[in-house]
Amino acid sequence: MSRQRERIERALREKGYTATRIHWEPVSAGAEKCGPDGGWFIAVDPLAPVKGVAGGEDCVVGLNVDDVLADIARLPSLLAELHGAAR
């Protein structure tokens, strides 16, 4: 397991979440008029589910670990924002 993946899993555990999937793809140029492709894709299993969030969805994404950790710090409000659920 990579050190970056361990950092992500530790940050999730500290917030009370478990990653059901952590996937990384090399960052590359996207299609014309699109941003870059790749990075981190993380599906989170909330221990206290947020209304409207289905399991197995990538709710934390980022091109680098710092972006991912910033999103994790925003949980659970991030889940509510992504899915339009009431907080």
N, C-alpha and C. Protein backbone atom coordinates (compact mmCIF):
# COMPACT_ATOMS: atom_id res chain seq x y z
N MET A 1 0.85 -1.18 0.00
CA MET A 1 0.00 0.00 0.00
C MET A 1 0.89 1.24 0.00
N SER A 2 0.51 2.23 -0.77
CA SER A 2 1.32 3.43 -0.86
C SER A 2 1.12 4.33 0.36
N ARG A 3 2.11 5.18 0.60
CA ARG A 3 1.99 6.13 1.72
C ARG A 3 0.83 7.09 1.49
N GLN A 4 0.59 7.47 0.25
CA GLN A 4 -0.51 8.40 -0.04
C GLN A 4 -1.86 7.75 0.28
N ARG A 5 -1.99 6.49 -0.11
CA ARG A 5 -3.24 5.77 0.18
C ARG A 5 -3.44 5.65 1.69
N GLU A 6 -2.37 5.38 2.42
CA GLU A 6 -2.46 5.29 3.88
C GLU A 6 -2.90 6.62 4.48
N ARG A 7 -2.39 7.74 3.95
CA ARG A 7 -2.79 9.06 4.43
C ARG A 7 -4.28 9.28 4.22
N ILE A 8 -4.76 8.88 3.05
CA ILE A 8 -6.19 9.04 2.74
C ILE A 8 -7.04 8.19 3.68
N GLU A 9 -6.67 6.92 3.85
CA GLU A 9 -7.44 6.04 4.72
C GLU A 9 -7.43 6.53 6.16
N ARG A 10 -6.29 7.03 6.64
CA ARG A 10 -6.20 7.54 8.00
C ARG A 10 -7.10 8.77 8.18
N ALA A 11 -7.09 9.68 7.20
CA ALA A 11 -7.94 10.88 7.28
C ALA A 11 -9.42 10.49 7.31
N LEU A 12 -9.81 9.49 6.52
CA LEU A 12 -11.19 9.02 6.52
C LEU A 12 -11.56 8.40 7.86
N ARG A 13 -10.69 7.55 8.41
CA ARG A 13 -10.95 6.92 9.70
C ARG A 13 -11.13 7.97 10.80
N GLU A 14 -10.30 9.02 10.76
CA GLU A 14 -10.40 10.08 11.78
C GLU A 14 -11.75 10.79 11.73
N LYS A 15 -12.38 10.82 10.56
CA LYS A 15 -13.70 11.43 10.42
C LYS A 15 -14.83 10.42 10.60
N GLY A 16 -14.50 9.14 10.79
CA GLY A 16 -15.50 8.11 11.00
C GLY A 16 -16.03 7.47 9.73
N TYR A 17 -15.26 7.53 8.65
CA TYR A 17 -15.66 6.97 7.37
C TYR A 17 -14.73 5.84 6.96
N THR A 18 -15.23 5.00 6.07
CA THR A 18 -14.45 3.91 5.50
C THR A 18 -14.48 4.04 3.99
N ALA A 19 -13.34 3.84 3.36
CA ALA A 19 -13.29 3.86 1.90
C ALA A 19 -13.69 2.49 1.38
N THR A 20 -14.68 2.45 0.51
CA THR A 20 -15.05 1.19 -0.12
C THR A 20 -14.25 0.99 -1.40
N ARG A 21 -13.68 2.09 -1.91
CA ARG A 21 -12.85 2.00 -3.10
C ARG A 21 -11.91 3.20 -3.13
N ILE A 22 -10.63 2.95 -3.33
CA ILE A 22 -9.64 4.00 -3.55
C ILE A 22 -8.92 3.63 -4.83
N HIS A 23 -9.02 4.51 -5.81
CA HIS A 23 -8.43 4.23 -7.12
C HIS A 23 -7.63 5.43 -7.57
N TRP A 24 -6.45 5.19 -8.12
CA TRP A 24 -5.62 6.27 -8.65
C TRP A 24 -5.26 5.97 -10.09
N GLU A 25 -5.35 6.98 -10.92
CA GLU A 25 -4.92 6.89 -12.32
C GLU A 25 -3.92 8.01 -12.57
N PRO A 26 -2.92 7.75 -13.40
CA PRO A 26 -1.97 8.82 -13.72
C PRO A 26 -2.70 10.03 -14.32
N VAL A 27 -2.28 11.21 -13.93
CA VAL A 27 -2.88 12.43 -14.45
C VAL A 27 -2.36 12.66 -15.86
N SER A 28 -3.29 12.97 -16.75
CA SER A 28 -2.92 13.21 -18.14
C SER A 28 -3.79 14.32 -18.71
N ALA A 29 -3.43 14.78 -19.89
CA ALA A 29 -4.22 15.81 -20.56
C ALA A 29 -5.58 15.23 -20.94
N GLY A 30 -6.62 15.98 -20.69
CA GLY A 30 -7.96 15.54 -21.05
C GLY A 30 -8.26 15.87 -22.50
N ALA A 31 -9.48 15.62 -22.87
CA ALA A 31 -9.92 15.92 -24.23
C ALA A 31 -9.92 17.43 -24.45
N GLU A 32 -10.06 17.81 -25.70
CA GLU A 32 -10.08 19.24 -26.04
C GLU A 32 -11.17 19.96 -25.24
N LYS A 33 -10.82 21.11 -24.70
CA LYS A 33 -11.71 21.94 -23.89
C LYS A 33 -12.12 21.27 -22.58
N CYS A 34 -11.34 20.31 -22.13
CA CYS A 34 -11.60 19.64 -20.86
C CYS A 34 -10.37 19.78 -19.96
N GLY A 35 -10.57 19.62 -18.71
CA GLY A 35 -9.45 19.65 -17.78
C GLY A 35 -8.69 18.34 -17.81
N PRO A 36 -7.73 18.19 -16.91
CA PRO A 36 -6.94 16.97 -16.88
C PRO A 36 -7.77 15.74 -16.48
N ASP A 37 -7.32 14.58 -16.92
CA ASP A 37 -7.92 13.30 -16.54
C ASP A 37 -7.05 12.66 -15.47
N GLY A 38 -7.64 11.73 -14.75
CA GLY A 38 -6.89 10.95 -13.78
C GLY A 38 -6.96 11.53 -12.38
N GLY A 39 -6.09 11.04 -11.52
CA GLY A 39 -6.05 11.46 -10.14
C GLY A 39 -6.67 10.41 -9.23
N TRP A 40 -7.13 10.86 -8.07
CA TRP A 40 -7.71 9.98 -7.07
C TRP A 40 -9.22 9.96 -7.17
N PHE A 41 -9.80 8.75 -7.03
CA PHE A 41 -11.24 8.55 -7.03
C PHE A 41 -11.55 7.68 -5.80
N ILE A 42 -12.37 8.19 -4.89
CA ILE A 42 -12.61 7.50 -3.63
C ILE A 42 -14.09 7.40 -3.36
N ALA A 43 -14.57 6.18 -3.15
CA ALA A 43 -15.95 5.94 -2.73
C ALA A 43 -15.94 5.76 -1.22
N VAL A 44 -16.85 6.45 -0.55
CA VAL A 44 -16.87 6.48 0.90
C VAL A 44 -18.14 5.84 1.41
N ASP A 45 -18.00 5.02 2.45
CA ASP A 45 -19.15 4.42 3.13
C ASP A 45 -19.38 5.22 4.40
N PRO A 46 -20.36 6.11 4.38
CA PRO A 46 -20.61 6.89 5.59
C PRO A 46 -21.20 6.03 6.70
N LEU A 47 -20.63 6.15 7.88
CA LEU A 47 -21.18 5.41 9.02
C LEU A 47 -22.49 6.02 9.48
N ALA A 48 -22.65 7.32 9.24
CA ALA A 48 -23.92 8.01 9.49
C ALA A 48 -24.40 8.50 8.13
N PRO A 49 -25.16 7.68 7.40
CA PRO A 49 -25.53 8.00 6.02
C PRO A 49 -26.22 9.35 5.87
N VAL A 50 -25.92 9.99 4.78
CA VAL A 50 -26.55 11.25 4.43
C VAL A 50 -27.68 10.95 3.45
N LYS A 51 -28.83 11.55 3.65
CA LYS A 51 -29.98 11.32 2.78
C LYS A 51 -29.61 11.59 1.32
N GLY A 52 -29.92 10.66 0.46
CA GLY A 52 -29.69 10.84 -0.96
C GLY A 52 -28.35 10.33 -1.46
N VAL A 53 -27.54 9.77 -0.59
CA VAL A 53 -26.22 9.27 -1.00
C VAL A 53 -26.29 7.77 -1.16
N ALA A 54 -25.99 7.29 -2.35
CA ALA A 54 -25.96 5.85 -2.59
C ALA A 54 -24.55 5.34 -2.37
N GLY A 55 -24.41 4.13 -1.91
CA GLY A 55 -23.09 3.54 -1.71
C GLY A 55 -22.38 3.30 -3.02
N GLY A 56 -21.07 3.29 -2.98
CA GLY A 56 -20.28 2.96 -4.15
C GLY A 56 -20.03 4.12 -5.10
N GLU A 57 -20.48 5.31 -4.77
CA GLU A 57 -20.24 6.46 -5.63
C GLU A 57 -18.91 7.11 -5.27
N ASP A 58 -18.19 7.60 -6.28
CA ASP A 58 -16.97 8.36 -6.02
C ASP A 58 -17.37 9.74 -5.55
N CYS A 59 -17.21 10.00 -4.27
CA CYS A 59 -17.62 11.30 -3.76
C CYS A 59 -16.43 12.17 -3.42
N VAL A 60 -15.25 11.59 -3.34
CA VAL A 60 -14.04 12.36 -3.09
C VAL A 60 -13.13 12.14 -4.29
N VAL A 61 -12.81 13.21 -4.98
CA VAL A 61 -11.92 13.11 -6.14
C VAL A 61 -10.91 14.24 -6.06
N GLY A 62 -9.75 14.02 -6.65
CA GLY A 62 -8.73 15.06 -6.67
C GLY A 62 -7.56 14.66 -7.52
N LEU A 63 -6.89 15.66 -8.05
CA LEU A 63 -5.71 15.39 -8.87
C LEU A 63 -4.50 15.04 -8.02
N ASN A 64 -4.51 15.46 -6.76
CA ASN A 64 -3.39 15.14 -5.87
C ASN A 64 -3.92 14.88 -4.47
N VAL A 65 -3.07 14.38 -3.61
CA VAL A 65 -3.48 13.99 -2.27
C VAL A 65 -3.95 15.19 -1.45
N ASP A 66 -3.32 16.34 -1.62
CA ASP A 66 -3.74 17.52 -0.87
C ASP A 66 -5.18 17.91 -1.19
N ASP A 67 -5.58 17.81 -2.46
CA ASP A 67 -6.97 18.09 -2.85
C ASP A 67 -7.92 17.09 -2.18
N VAL A 68 -7.53 15.83 -2.17
CA VAL A 68 -8.35 14.78 -1.57
C VAL A 68 -8.49 15.01 -0.07
N LEU A 69 -7.40 15.31 0.61
CA LEU A 69 -7.46 15.54 2.05
C LEU A 69 -8.31 16.76 2.39
N ALA A 70 -8.28 17.78 1.54
CA ALA A 70 -9.12 18.96 1.76
C ALA A 70 -10.60 18.59 1.64
N ASP A 71 -10.94 17.73 0.67
CA ASP A 71 -12.33 17.28 0.54
C ASP A 71 -12.75 16.42 1.72
N ILE A 72 -11.86 15.55 2.18
CA ILE A 72 -12.18 14.71 3.33
C ILE A 72 -12.45 15.57 4.55
N ALA A 73 -11.71 16.65 4.70
CA ALA A 73 -11.91 17.56 5.84
C ALA A 73 -13.31 18.18 5.81
N ARG A 74 -13.91 18.26 4.62
CA ARG A 74 -15.24 18.85 4.47
C ARG A 74 -16.37 17.83 4.67
N LEU A 75 -16.08 16.56 4.88
CA LEU A 75 -17.13 15.57 5.12
C LEU A 75 -17.78 15.86 6.45
N PRO A 76 -19.08 15.68 6.68
CA PRO A 76 -20.09 15.17 5.77
C PRO A 76 -20.76 16.24 4.91
N SER A 77 -20.45 17.52 5.13
CA SER A 77 -21.13 18.56 4.35
C SER A 77 -20.85 18.40 2.85
N LEU A 78 -19.69 17.87 2.49
CA LEU A 78 -19.37 17.62 1.09
C LEU A 78 -20.37 16.66 0.47
N LEU A 79 -20.71 15.60 1.19
CA LEU A 79 -21.68 14.61 0.67
C LEU A 79 -23.03 15.27 0.45
N ALA A 80 -23.45 16.11 1.37
CA ALA A 80 -24.73 16.78 1.23
C ALA A 80 -24.72 17.72 0.02
N GLU A 81 -23.61 18.44 -0.17
CA GLU A 81 -23.51 19.35 -1.32
C GLU A 81 -23.54 18.58 -2.64
N LEU A 82 -22.82 17.48 -2.71
CA LEU A 82 -22.73 16.71 -3.94
C LEU A 82 -24.07 16.11 -4.34
N HIS A 83 -24.87 15.76 -3.37
CA HIS A 83 -26.10 15.04 -3.65
C HIS A 83 -27.35 15.87 -3.39
N GLY A 84 -27.18 17.14 -3.09
CA GLY A 84 -28.31 18.03 -2.90
C GLY A 84 -29.19 17.65 -1.71
N ALA A 85 -28.61 16.94 -0.74
CA ALA A 85 -29.39 16.50 0.42
C ALA A 85 -29.38 17.59 1.49
N ALA A 86 -30.39 17.55 2.31
CA ALA A 86 -30.46 18.47 3.45
C ALA A 86 -29.42 18.06 4.48
N ARG A 87 -28.83 19.04 5.11
CA ARG A 87 -27.81 18.74 6.14
C ARG A 87 -28.44 18.42 7.44
